[in-house]
Amino acid sequence: MKVEHQGGCQCGALRYRIDAPLTDIAHCHCSICRRSSGGILTTWVTVPRQAFHWLRGTPKAFASSASCTRYFCADCGAHLALFTSLSPDTLDVTVATLDAPEQAPADRHIWAGSRLPWLTVDPQLPEENEEIIPMGLDS
């Protein structure tokens, strides 16, 4: 059975498809994600790069750090994806831009050391002070 998930930005200028299961999903609490998204955290799903396909439009790219490039819609500003050279065979996709985000519950917190002190989200999930890249996702 073929696994396919689709998503896109708010205005519809960008659409994408993921041909892989949604398995590595994390709430990121880093300050860069907060500033990039305007939200108090960003939830990411990490997928193999070869499983991700832009269906419509070309995203705008922004190098948010020496190792990370973020992709967003130049029209509506929606933040859709992130590539990090620290895991060159994967791409992170914002769960909120999936057509069915309810199918992608987080399984951990990353950069929990940067979490806003008044925020409590899924306290039963494991936490990483930084981010531990799961084995097998980038190989």
Protein backbone atom coordinates (compact mmCIF):
# COMPACT_ATOMS: atom_id res chain seq x y z
CA MET A 1 0.00 0.00 0.00
CA LYS A 2 1.36 3.40 -1.00
CA VAL A 3 1.77 5.93 1.82
CA GLU A 4 1.09 9.49 0.72
CA HIS A 5 0.51 12.69 2.66
CA GLN A 6 -0.10 16.12 1.16
CA GLY A 7 -0.01 19.66 2.43
CA GLY A 8 0.60 23.25 1.50
CA CYS A 9 0.62 26.86 2.51
CA GLN A 10 -2.39 28.97 3.52
CA CYS A 11 -2.86 30.69 0.16
CA GLY A 12 -2.36 27.56 -1.95
CA ALA A 13 0.65 28.84 -3.92
CA LEU A 14 2.77 25.95 -2.56
CA ARG A 15 1.71 22.30 -2.39
CA TYR A 16 3.78 19.25 -1.47
CA ARG A 17 3.54 15.47 -1.19
CA ILE A 18 5.32 13.10 1.19
CA ASP A 19 5.66 9.47 0.08
CA ALA A 20 6.60 8.02 3.46
CA PRO A 21 5.07 7.23 6.84
CA LEU A 22 4.93 10.08 9.35
CA THR A 23 7.01 8.61 12.16
CA ASP A 24 9.58 11.06 13.60
CA ILE A 25 7.52 13.95 14.92
CA ALA A 26 8.76 16.47 17.46
CA HIS A 27 7.64 19.67 19.16
CA CYS A 28 10.58 22.07 18.77
CA HIS A 29 11.01 24.72 21.45
CA CYS A 30 14.08 26.52 20.03
CA SER A 31 14.06 30.30 19.77
CA ILE A 32 14.82 30.19 16.02
CA CYS A 33 11.62 28.20 15.35
CA ARG A 34 9.64 30.62 17.50
CA ARG A 35 10.92 33.64 15.59
CA SER A 36 10.57 31.95 12.19
CA SER A 37 7.00 30.83 12.79
CA GLY A 38 5.67 33.50 15.12
CA GLY A 39 4.39 30.65 17.31
CA ILE A 40 5.37 29.40 20.75
CA LEU A 41 6.71 26.14 19.26
CA THR A 42 6.85 24.38 15.91
CA THR A 43 5.96 20.73 15.39
CA TRP A 44 8.06 18.99 12.74
CA VAL A 45 7.88 15.65 10.97
CA THR A 46 11.22 14.43 9.64
CA VAL A 47 11.00 12.53 6.34
CA PRO A 48 13.52 11.13 3.87
CA ARG A 49 14.43 13.85 1.34
CA GLN A 50 13.68 11.56 -1.59
CA ALA A 51 10.13 11.09 -0.24
CA PHE A 52 9.33 14.83 -0.37
CA HIS A 53 8.08 16.46 -3.58
CA TRP A 54 6.94 20.01 -4.34
CA LEU A 55 3.73 19.71 -6.38
CA ARG A 56 3.04 23.40 -7.00
CA GLY A 57 5.11 26.55 -6.69
CA THR A 58 8.67 27.27 -5.67
CA PRO A 59 9.30 28.16 -2.04
CA LYS A 60 11.42 31.05 -0.88
CA ALA A 61 14.53 29.92 1.03
CA PHE A 62 16.10 31.55 4.09
CA ALA A 63 19.34 30.41 5.76
CA SER A 64 18.35 30.76 9.41
CA SER A 65 21.70 29.41 10.67
CA ALA A 66 24.96 28.01 9.31
CA SER A 67 23.40 24.53 9.04
CA CYS A 68 19.70 25.23 8.37
CA THR A 69 17.69 26.52 5.43
CA ARG A 70 13.99 27.19 5.94
CA TYR A 71 11.41 27.17 3.14
CA PHE A 72 8.31 29.34 3.17
CA CYS A 73 5.66 30.82 0.91
CA ALA A 74 6.67 34.23 -0.48
CA ASP A 75 2.97 35.13 -0.82
CA CYS A 76 1.35 34.20 2.52
CA GLY A 77 4.48 33.63 4.64
CA ALA A 78 3.64 30.08 5.75
CA HIS A 79 6.71 28.19 7.00
CA LEU A 80 6.66 24.75 5.36
CA ALA A 81 10.02 22.99 5.59
CA LEU A 82 13.56 23.00 6.92
CA PHE A 83 16.74 21.37 5.63
CA THR A 84 19.70 20.88 7.93
CA SER A 85 23.13 19.83 6.72
CA LEU A 86 23.44 17.94 10.03
CA SER A 87 21.03 15.36 8.57
CA PRO A 88 21.53 15.66 4.79
CA ASP A 89 19.23 12.80 3.77
CA THR A 90 16.14 14.15 5.56
CA LEU A 91 13.83 17.14 5.44
CA ASP A 92 11.70 18.52 8.25
CA VAL A 93 8.14 19.53 7.36
CA THR A 94 5.83 21.60 9.55
CA VAL A 95 3.00 19.36 10.75
CA ALA A 96 0.59 22.31 10.77
CA THR A 97 0.84 22.57 6.95
CA LEU A 98 -0.25 18.95 6.37
CA ASP A 99 -3.77 18.55 5.01
CA ALA A 100 -4.40 16.08 7.87
CA PRO A 101 -2.20 17.24 10.79
CA GLU A 102 -4.25 15.12 13.17
CA GLN A 103 -2.49 12.08 11.66
CA ALA A 104 0.88 13.33 12.97
CA PRO A 105 0.95 13.47 16.78
CA ALA A 106 4.32 14.39 18.29
CA ASP A 107 6.42 11.68 19.91
CA ARG A 108 8.96 13.91 21.70
CA HIS A 109 10.05 17.44 22.61
CA ILE A 110 13.31 18.84 21.21
CA TRP A 111 15.29 21.85 22.41
CA ALA A 112 13.27 21.60 25.63
CA GLY A 113 15.94 23.66 27.38
CA SER A 114 14.65 26.65 25.38
CA ARG A 115 10.96 26.04 26.16
CA LEU A 116 9.04 29.07 27.37
CA PRO A 117 8.71 28.64 31.15
CA TRP A 118 4.92 29.03 31.16
CA LEU A 119 4.26 26.48 28.39
CA THR A 120 3.15 22.91 29.10
CA VAL A 121 2.50 20.68 26.08
CA ASP A 122 2.22 16.88 26.17
CA PRO A 123 4.13 16.44 29.45
CA GLN A 124 4.12 12.63 29.01
CA LEU A 125 6.43 12.86 25.96
CA PRO A 126 10.20 12.41 26.32
CA GLU A 127 12.30 15.58 26.23
CA GLU A 128 15.70 16.37 24.77
CA ASN A 129 17.51 19.52 25.89
CA GLU A 130 18.84 19.83 22.34
CA GLU A 131 18.00 17.45 19.51
CA ILE A 132 19.09 13.86 19.14
CA ILE A 133 18.79 12.83 15.49
CA PRO A 134 17.23 9.33 15.48
CA MET A 135 19.41 6.66 13.92
CA GLY A 136 18.40 5.50 10.47
CA LEU A 137 16.58 8.65 9.38
CA ASP A 138 19.58 10.25 7.73
CA SER A 139 21.19 7.18 6.25
